[in-house]
């Protein structure tokens, strides 16, 4: 078993890179348009953009012969779906996360359904650019998610809530957990790539569960125990 993604077929690197760049450029352009809308159109627009991105990404990976990236996209779609669970716990139980209501379908009137596909893009960038190596994926995930956490409140996607240590508006406890998420995603994908669907579903759920545990632990160490130590 290898922990790295396969190299692109000979002579196909440049031909396969341009469509992938175009898909991500389309995500940013479509996202900008969707976020410029007023509610409730904004929420529906974001949902259509992120779902369209996942479909387009899978289509491009298939068309360019990148079976490894196609498999990664499929696995990340499962991970992103299960990532609703940690978000739900933070927003509804722990109270350290809030999702503004910008329209569109929501889960338990707490989380936009669009979040079920929104994790694919950052995790794809982290794992694919890292070549599937867990350590590199962890570092890249930290950088990608740091940018997302800084921008999200101003874009109206999500924002920290409750009593949390923050820098530049970012809740500090989420950053080490998101680094761990990058590592866990790359590790799990390497373990189950090519395995039957039930194994991939179980691994995706395990990643989301691991991430939830990392969030709770980091929240306790930074925001609960941390306050006690400096009090």
C-alpha atoms as a PDB file:
ATOM      1  CA  UNK A   1       0.000   0.000   0.000  1.00  0.00           C
ATOM      2  CA  UNK A   2       1.283   3.472  -0.906  1.00  0.00           C
ATOM      3  CA  UNK A   3       0.475   6.707   0.832  1.00  0.00           C
ATOM      4  CA  UNK A   4       1.049   8.854  -2.249  1.00  0.00           C
ATOM      5  CA  UNK A   5      -1.148   9.712  -5.179  1.00  0.00           C
ATOM      6  CA  UNK A   6      -0.053   8.310  -8.518  1.00  0.00           C
ATOM      7  CA  UNK A   7       1.797  10.634 -10.895  1.00  0.00           C
ATOM      8  CA  UNK A   8      -0.062  11.909 -13.914  1.00  0.00           C
ATOM      9  CA  UNK A   9       0.254   9.765 -17.053  1.00  0.00           C
ATOM     10  CA  UNK A  10       3.259  10.638 -19.212  1.00  0.00           C
ATOM     11  CA  UNK A  11       2.570  13.701 -21.356  1.00  0.00           C
ATOM     12  CA  UNK A  12      -0.735  14.373 -19.625  1.00  0.00           C
ATOM     13  CA  UNK A  13       0.440  16.651 -16.785  1.00  0.00           C
ATOM     14  CA  UNK A  14      -0.140  19.989 -18.477  1.00  0.00           C
ATOM     15  CA  UNK A  15      -3.238  18.824 -20.317  1.00  0.00           C
ATOM     16  CA  UNK A  16      -4.743  17.565 -17.074  1.00  0.00           C
ATOM     17  CA  UNK A  17      -3.702  20.560 -14.967  1.00  0.00           C
ATOM     18  CA  UNK A  18      -5.531  23.251 -16.965  1.00  0.00           C
ATOM     19  CA  UNK A  19      -9.020  21.716 -16.524  1.00  0.00           C
ATOM     20  CA  UNK A  20      -8.389  21.270 -12.785  1.00  0.00           C
ATOM     21  CA  UNK A  21      -7.344  24.904 -12.474  1.00  0.00           C
ATOM     22  CA  UNK A  22     -10.420  25.903 -14.474  1.00  0.00           C
ATOM     23  CA  UNK A  23     -12.706  23.957 -12.114  1.00  0.00           C
ATOM     24  CA  UNK A  24     -11.271  25.743  -9.086  1.00  0.00           C
ATOM     25  CA  UNK A  25     -11.394  29.108 -10.824  1.00  0.00           C
ATOM     26  CA  UNK A  26     -15.050  28.383 -11.576  1.00  0.00           C
ATOM     27  CA  UNK A  27     -15.622  27.605  -7.904  1.00  0.00           C
ATOM     28  CA  UNK A  28     -14.222  30.972  -6.832  1.00  0.00           C
ATOM     29  CA  UNK A  29     -16.084  32.862  -9.558  1.00  0.00           C
ATOM     30  CA  UNK A  30     -19.368  31.085  -8.882  1.00  0.00           C
ATOM     31  CA  UNK A  31     -18.916  31.524  -5.160  1.00  0.00           C
ATOM     32  CA  UNK A  32     -18.339  35.242  -5.574  1.00  0.00           C
ATOM     33  CA  UNK A  33     -21.554  35.567  -7.570  1.00  0.00           C
ATOM     34  CA  UNK A  34     -23.552  33.477  -5.097  1.00  0.00           C
ATOM     35  CA  UNK A  35     -22.254  35.411  -2.084  1.00  0.00           C
ATOM     36  CA  UNK A  36     -23.160  38.717  -3.740  1.00  0.00           C
ATOM     37  CA  UNK A  37     -26.831  37.739  -3.739  1.00  0.00           C
ATOM     38  CA  UNK A  38     -29.290  38.564  -1.004  1.00  0.00           C
ATOM     39  CA  UNK A  39     -30.959  35.913   1.137  1.00  0.00           C
ATOM     40  CA  UNK A  40     -32.587  33.526   0.432  1.00  0.00           C
ATOM     41  CA  UNK A  41     -31.010  33.377  -3.036  1.00  0.00           C
ATOM     42  CA  UNK A  42     -27.528  33.445  -1.494  1.00  0.00           C
ATOM     43  CA  UNK A  43     -27.978  30.184   0.375  1.00  0.00           C
ATOM     44  CA  UNK A  44     -29.389  28.402  -2.664  1.00  0.00           C
ATOM     45  CA  UNK A  45     -26.622  29.860  -4.822  1.00  0.00           C
ATOM     46  CA  UNK A  46     -23.862  28.607  -2.527  1.00  0.00           C
ATOM     47  CA  UNK A  47     -25.450  25.149  -2.464  1.00  0.00           C
ATOM     48  CA  UNK A  48     -25.598  24.973  -6.271  1.00  0.00           C
ATOM     49  CA  UNK A  49     -22.005  26.205  -6.612  1.00  0.00           C
ATOM     50  CA  UNK A  50     -20.441  23.688  -4.212  1.00  0.00           C
ATOM     51  CA  UNK A  51     -22.446  20.756  -5.598  1.00  0.00           C
ATOM     52  CA  UNK A  52     -21.588  21.848  -9.138  1.00  0.00           C
ATOM     53  CA  UNK A  53     -17.924  22.032  -8.158  1.00  0.00           C
ATOM     54  CA  UNK A  54     -17.875  18.446  -6.880  1.00  0.00           C
ATOM     55  CA  UNK A  55     -19.613  17.168 -10.026  1.00  0.00           C
ATOM     56  CA  UNK A  56     -17.300  19.169 -12.303  1.00  0.00           C
ATOM     57  CA  UNK A  57     -14.203  18.054 -10.394  1.00  0.00           C
ATOM     58  CA  UNK A  58     -15.164  14.398 -10.726  1.00  0.00           C
ATOM     59  CA  UNK A  59     -15.921  14.837 -14.432  1.00  0.00           C
ATOM     60  CA  UNK A  60     -12.571  16.511 -15.106  1.00  0.00           C
ATOM     61  CA  UNK A  61     -10.623  13.877 -13.178  1.00  0.00           C
ATOM     62  CA  UNK A  62     -12.343  11.171 -15.196  1.00  0.00           C
ATOM     63  CA  UNK A  63     -11.870  12.957 -18.531  1.00  0.00           C
ATOM     64  CA  UNK A  64      -8.162  13.550 -17.933  1.00  0.00           C
ATOM     65  CA  UNK A  65      -7.511   9.967 -16.887  1.00  0.00           C
ATOM     66  CA  UNK A  66      -6.642  10.797 -13.281  1.00  0.00           C
ATOM     67  CA  UNK A  67      -8.186   7.772 -11.618  1.00  0.00           C
ATOM     68  CA  UNK A  68      -6.303   8.602  -8.423  1.00  0.00           C
ATOM     69  CA  UNK A  69      -7.817  12.091  -8.186  1.00  0.00           C
ATOM     70  CA  UNK A  70     -11.242  10.742  -9.150  1.00  0.00           C
ATOM     71  CA  UNK A  71     -11.008   8.272  -6.269  1.00  0.00           C
ATOM     72  CA  UNK A  72      -9.886  11.091  -3.967  1.00  0.00           C
ATOM     73  CA  UNK A  73     -12.840  13.242  -5.031  1.00  0.00           C
ATOM     74  CA  UNK A  74     -15.261  10.423  -4.294  1.00  0.00           C
ATOM     75  CA  UNK A  75     -13.738   9.812  -0.879  1.00  0.00           C
ATOM     76  CA  UNK A  76     -13.762  13.512  -0.015  1.00  0.00           C
ATOM     77  CA  UNK A  77     -17.425  13.741  -0.991  1.00  0.00           C
ATOM     78  CA  UNK A  78     -18.134  11.106   1.667  1.00  0.00           C
ATOM     79  CA  UNK A  79     -15.937  12.874   4.231  1.00  0.00           C
ATOM     80  CA  UNK A  80     -17.636  16.197   3.511  1.00  0.00           C
ATOM     81  CA  UNK A  81     -21.059  14.656   4.003  1.00  0.00           C
ATOM     82  CA  UNK A  82     -20.082  13.294   7.417  1.00  0.00           C
ATOM     83  CA  UNK A  83     -18.475  16.615   8.350  1.00  0.00           C
ATOM     84  CA  UNK A  84     -21.995  17.871   8.978  1.00  0.00           C
ATOM     85  CA  UNK A  85     -21.824  15.962  12.259  1.00  0.00           C
ATOM     86  CA  UNK A  86     -18.903  17.860  13.868  1.00  0.00           C
ATOM     87  CA  UNK A  87     -20.385  21.161  12.650  1.00  0.00           C
ATOM     88  CA  UNK A  88     -23.737  20.186  14.124  1.00  0.00           C
ATOM     89  CA  UNK A  89     -22.184  19.366  17.502  1.00  0.00           C
ATOM     90  CA  UNK A  90     -20.254  22.643  17.621  1.00  0.00           C
ATOM     91  CA  UNK A  91     -23.234  24.748  16.574  1.00  0.00           C
ATOM     92  CA  UNK A  92     -26.009  23.022  18.499  1.00  0.00           C
ATOM     93  CA  UNK A  93     -24.321  21.477  21.546  1.00  0.00           C
ATOM     94  CA  UNK A  94     -20.993  23.173  22.274  1.00  0.00           C
ATOM     95  CA  UNK A  95     -22.129  26.606  21.067  1.00  0.00           C
ATOM     96  CA  UNK A  96     -18.800  27.716  19.577  1.00  0.00           C
ATOM     97  CA  UNK A  97     -19.939  27.938  15.942  1.00  0.00           C
ATOM     98  CA  UNK A  98     -22.738  29.789  14.172  1.00  0.00           C
ATOM     99  CA  UNK A  99     -24.010  29.627  10.612  1.00  0.00           C
ATOM    100  CA  UNK A 100     -25.910  32.754   9.499  1.00  0.00           C
ATOM    101  CA  UNK A 101     -29.212  31.953   7.804  1.00  0.00           C
ATOM    102  CA  UNK A 102     -28.746  33.131   4.212  1.00  0.00           C
ATOM    103  CA  UNK A 103     -31.504  30.956   2.772  1.00  0.00           C
ATOM    104  CA  UNK A 104     -31.563  27.517   1.251  1.00  0.00           C
ATOM    105  CA  UNK A 105     -32.081  24.187   3.001  1.00  0.00           C
ATOM    106  CA  UNK A 106     -30.646  23.732   6.472  1.00  0.00           C
ATOM    107  CA  UNK A 107     -30.083  20.714   8.702  1.00  0.00           C
ATOM    108  CA  UNK A 108     -32.140  20.993  11.893  1.00  0.00           C
ATOM    109  CA  UNK A 109     -32.360  24.722  11.135  1.00  0.00           C
ATOM    110  CA  UNK A 110     -28.741  24.962  12.327  1.00  0.00           C
ATOM    111  CA  UNK A 111     -26.362  24.153   9.438  1.00  0.00           C
ATOM    112  CA  UNK A 112     -26.689  25.021   5.735  1.00  0.00           C
ATOM    113  CA  UNK A 113     -26.966  21.861   3.670  1.00  0.00           C
ATOM    114  CA  UNK A 114     -24.247  23.350   1.447  1.00  0.00           C
ATOM    115  CA  UNK A 115     -21.714  22.437   4.156  1.00  0.00           C
ATOM    116  CA  UNK A 116     -22.194  18.792   3.134  1.00  0.00           C
ATOM    117  CA  UNK A 117     -20.168  19.567  -0.014  1.00  0.00           C
ATOM    118  CA  UNK A 118     -18.110  22.554   1.101  1.00  0.00           C
ATOM    119  CA  UNK A 119     -15.292  20.510   2.658  1.00  0.00           C
ATOM    120  CA  UNK A 120     -14.323  18.879  -0.639  1.00  0.00           C
ATOM    121  CA  UNK A 121     -12.422  21.839  -2.129  1.00  0.00           C
ATOM    122  CA  UNK A 122     -10.062  22.616   0.793  1.00  0.00           C
ATOM    123  CA  UNK A 123      -9.342  18.954   1.465  1.00  0.00           C
ATOM    124  CA  UNK A 124      -8.788  18.248  -2.243  1.00  0.00           C
ATOM    125  CA  UNK A 125      -6.249  21.073  -2.434  1.00  0.00           C
ATOM    126  CA  UNK A 126      -4.460  19.895   0.703  1.00  0.00           C
ATOM    127  CA  UNK A 127      -4.288  16.179  -0.125  1.00  0.00           C
ATOM    128  CA  UNK A 128      -3.735  16.489  -3.883  1.00  0.00           C
ATOM    129  CA  UNK A 129      -1.024  19.149  -3.616  1.00  0.00           C
ATOM    130  CA  UNK A 130       0.648  17.068  -0.901  1.00  0.00           C
ATOM    131  CA  UNK A 131       0.747  14.071  -3.229  1.00  0.00           C
ATOM    132  CA  UNK A 132      -1.284  12.150  -0.674  1.00  0.00           C
ATOM    133  CA  UNK A 133       1.474  12.377   1.963  1.00  0.00           C
ATOM    134  CA  UNK A 134      -0.222  12.801   5.365  1.00  0.00           C
ATOM    135  CA  UNK A 135       2.397  15.084   6.895  1.00  0.00           C
ATOM    136  CA  UNK A 136       2.367  17.477   3.969  1.00  0.00           C
ATOM    137  CA  UNK A 137      -1.425  17.294   3.769  1.00  0.00           C
ATOM    138  CA  UNK A 138      -1.597  18.343   7.424  1.00  0.00           C
ATOM    139  CA  UNK A 139       0.556  21.414   6.811  1.00  0.00           C
ATOM    140  CA  UNK A 140      -1.321  22.406   3.665  1.00  0.00           C
ATOM    141  CA  UNK A 141      -4.670  21.868   5.383  1.00  0.00           C
ATOM    142  CA  UNK A 142      -3.552  24.229   8.134  1.00  0.00           C
ATOM    143  CA  UNK A 143      -2.750  26.940   5.593  1.00  0.00           C
ATOM    144  CA  UNK A 144      -5.911  26.436   3.512  1.00  0.00           C
ATOM    145  CA  UNK A 145      -8.235  26.338   6.506  1.00  0.00           C
ATOM    146  CA  UNK A 146      -6.543  29.324   8.136  1.00  0.00           C
ATOM    147  CA  UNK A 147      -7.434  31.379   5.070  1.00  0.00           C
ATOM    148  CA  UNK A 148     -10.971  29.990   5.102  1.00  0.00           C
ATOM    149  CA  UNK A 149     -11.463  30.763   8.795  1.00  0.00           C
ATOM    150  CA  UNK A 150     -10.258  34.342   8.329  1.00  0.00           C
ATOM    151  CA  UNK A 151     -12.564  34.980   5.351  1.00  0.00           C
ATOM    152  CA  UNK A 152     -15.689  33.028   6.379  1.00  0.00           C
ATOM    153  CA  UNK A 153     -17.203  35.543   8.839  1.00  0.00           C
ATOM    154  CA  UNK A 154     -16.937  38.445   6.393  1.00  0.00           C
ATOM    155  CA  UNK A 155     -18.472  36.290   3.660  1.00  0.00           C
ATOM    156  CA  UNK A 156     -21.360  35.246   5.895  1.00  0.00           C
ATOM    157  CA  UNK A 157     -20.562  31.523   5.697  1.00  0.00           C
ATOM    158  CA  UNK A 158     -19.853  30.768   9.349  1.00  0.00           C
ATOM    159  CA  UNK A 159     -18.362  32.481  12.392  1.00  0.00           C
ATOM    160  CA  UNK A 160     -17.084  31.574  15.844  1.00  0.00           C
ATOM    161  CA  UNK A 161     -19.462  31.991  18.761  1.00  0.00           C
ATOM    162  CA  UNK A 162     -19.323  31.802  22.521  1.00  0.00           C
ATOM    163  CA  UNK A 163     -16.249  32.221  24.704  1.00  0.00           C
ATOM    164  CA  UNK A 164     -13.230  31.256  22.602  1.00  0.00           C
ATOM    165  CA  UNK A 165      -9.693  32.553  22.262  1.00  0.00           C
ATOM    166  CA  UNK A 166      -9.512  34.363  18.919  1.00  0.00           C
ATOM    167  CA  UNK A 167      -6.872  35.952  16.715  1.00  0.00           C
ATOM    168  CA  UNK A 168      -7.946  37.912  13.616  1.00  0.00           C
ATOM    169  CA  UNK A 169     -11.458  36.718  14.377  1.00  0.00           C
ATOM    170  CA  UNK A 170     -10.419  33.062  14.157  1.00  0.00           C
ATOM    171  CA  UNK A 171     -11.173  30.687  17.029  1.00  0.00           C
ATOM    172  CA  UNK A 172      -7.745  29.258  17.842  1.00  0.00           C
ATOM    173  CA  UNK A 173      -8.997  25.837  18.891  1.00  0.00           C
ATOM    174  CA  UNK A 174     -10.123  24.933  15.367  1.00  0.00           C
ATOM    175  CA  UNK A 175      -6.695  25.372  13.741  1.00  0.00           C
ATOM    176  CA  UNK A 176      -4.836  22.387  15.253  1.00  0.00           C
ATOM    177  CA  UNK A 177      -7.951  20.281  14.725  1.00  0.00           C
ATOM    178  CA  UNK A 178      -8.020  21.230  11.037  1.00  0.00           C
ATOM    179  CA  UNK A 179      -4.337  20.369  10.710  1.00  0.00           C
ATOM    180  CA  UNK A 180      -5.184  16.973  12.202  1.00  0.00           C
ATOM    181  CA  UNK A 181      -8.082  16.684   9.743  1.00  0.00           C
ATOM    182  CA  UNK A 182      -5.694  17.039   6.801  1.00  0.00           C
ATOM    183  CA  UNK A 183      -3.474  14.300   8.189  1.00  0.00           C
ATOM    184  CA  UNK A 184      -6.410  11.996   8.971  1.00  0.00           C
ATOM    185  CA  UNK A 185      -7.973  12.466   5.530  1.00  0.00           C
ATOM    186  CA  UNK A 186      -4.768  11.606   3.662  1.00  0.00           C
ATOM    187  CA  UNK A 187      -4.081   8.647   5.947  1.00  0.00           C
ATOM    188  CA  UNK A 188      -7.609   7.247   5.628  1.00  0.00           C
ATOM    189  CA  UNK A 189      -7.675   7.683   1.846  1.00  0.00           C
ATOM    190  CA  UNK A 190      -4.397   5.789   1.498  1.00  0.00           C
ATOM    191  CA  UNK A 191      -5.798   2.973   3.626  1.00  0.00           C
ATOM    192  CA  UNK A 192      -9.085   2.470   1.769  1.00  0.00           C
ATOM    193  CA  UNK A 193      -8.406   3.588  -1.798  1.00  0.00           C
ATOM    194  CA  UNK A 194      -9.568   0.769  -4.052  1.00  0.00           C
ATOM    195  CA  UNK A 195     -11.494  -0.892  -1.238  1.00  0.00           C
ATOM    196  CA  UNK A 196     -15.236  -1.616  -1.472  1.00  0.00           C
ATOM    197  CA  UNK A 197     -17.687   1.231  -0.846  1.00  0.00           C
ATOM    198  CA  UNK A 198     -18.617   0.140   2.718  1.00  0.00           C
ATOM    199  CA  UNK A 199     -14.949   0.388   3.746  1.00  0.00           C
ATOM    200  CA  UNK A 200     -14.649   3.874   2.226  1.00  0.00           C
ATOM    201  CA  UNK A 201     -17.856   5.013   3.924  1.00  0.00           C
ATOM    202  CA  UNK A 202     -16.618   3.695   7.277  1.00  0.00           C
ATOM    203  CA  UNK A 203     -13.261   5.431   6.798  1.00  0.00           C
ATOM    204  CA  UNK A 204     -14.948   8.723   5.911  1.00  0.00           C
ATOM    205  CA  UNK A 205     -17.091   8.502   9.044  1.00  0.00           C
ATOM    206  CA  UNK A 206     -13.965   7.694  11.060  1.00  0.00           C
ATOM    207  CA  UNK A 207     -12.265  10.838   9.724  1.00  0.00           C
ATOM    208  CA  UNK A 208     -15.219  13.021  10.748  1.00  0.00           C
ATOM    209  CA  UNK A 209     -15.343  11.344  14.167  1.00  0.00           C
ATOM    210  CA  UNK A 210     -11.599  11.848  14.634  1.00  0.00           C
ATOM    211  CA  UNK A 211     -12.000  15.501  13.688  1.00  0.00           C
ATOM    212  CA  UNK A 212     -14.830  15.948  16.182  1.00  0.00           C
ATOM    213  CA  UNK A 213     -12.667  14.452  18.907  1.00  0.00           C
ATOM    214  CA  UNK A 214      -9.791  16.754  17.956  1.00  0.00           C
ATOM    215  CA  UNK A 215     -12.110  19.780  18.076  1.00  0.00           C
ATOM    216  CA  UNK A 216     -13.462  18.922  21.513  1.00  0.00           C
ATOM    217  CA  UNK A 217      -9.979  18.203  22.881  1.00  0.00           C
ATOM    218  CA  UNK A 218      -8.510  21.413  21.443  1.00  0.00           C
ATOM    219  CA  UNK A 219     -11.470  23.452  22.710  1.00  0.00           C
ATOM    220  CA  UNK A 220     -10.957  22.039  26.183  1.00  0.00           C
ATOM    221  CA  UNK A 221      -7.184  22.601  26.219  1.00  0.00           C
ATOM    222  CA  UNK A 222      -7.266  26.103  24.712  1.00  0.00           C
ATOM    223  CA  UNK A 223     -10.558  27.604  25.853  1.00  0.00           C
ATOM    224  CA  UNK A 224     -11.489  25.748  29.043  1.00  0.00           C
ATOM    225  CA  UNK A 225      -8.282  24.581  30.717  1.00  0.00           C
ATOM    226  CA  UNK A 226      -6.449  27.528  29.162  1.00  0.00           C
ATOM    227  CA  UNK A 227      -8.712  30.063  30.864  1.00  0.00           C
ATOM    228  CA  UNK A 228      -8.189  28.316  34.201  1.00  0.00           C
ATOM    229  CA  UNK A 229      -4.412  28.421  33.895  1.00  0.00           C
ATOM    230  CA  UNK A 230      -4.265  32.151  33.197  1.00  0.00           C
ATOM    231  CA  UNK A 231      -7.036  33.094  35.659  1.00  0.00           C
END
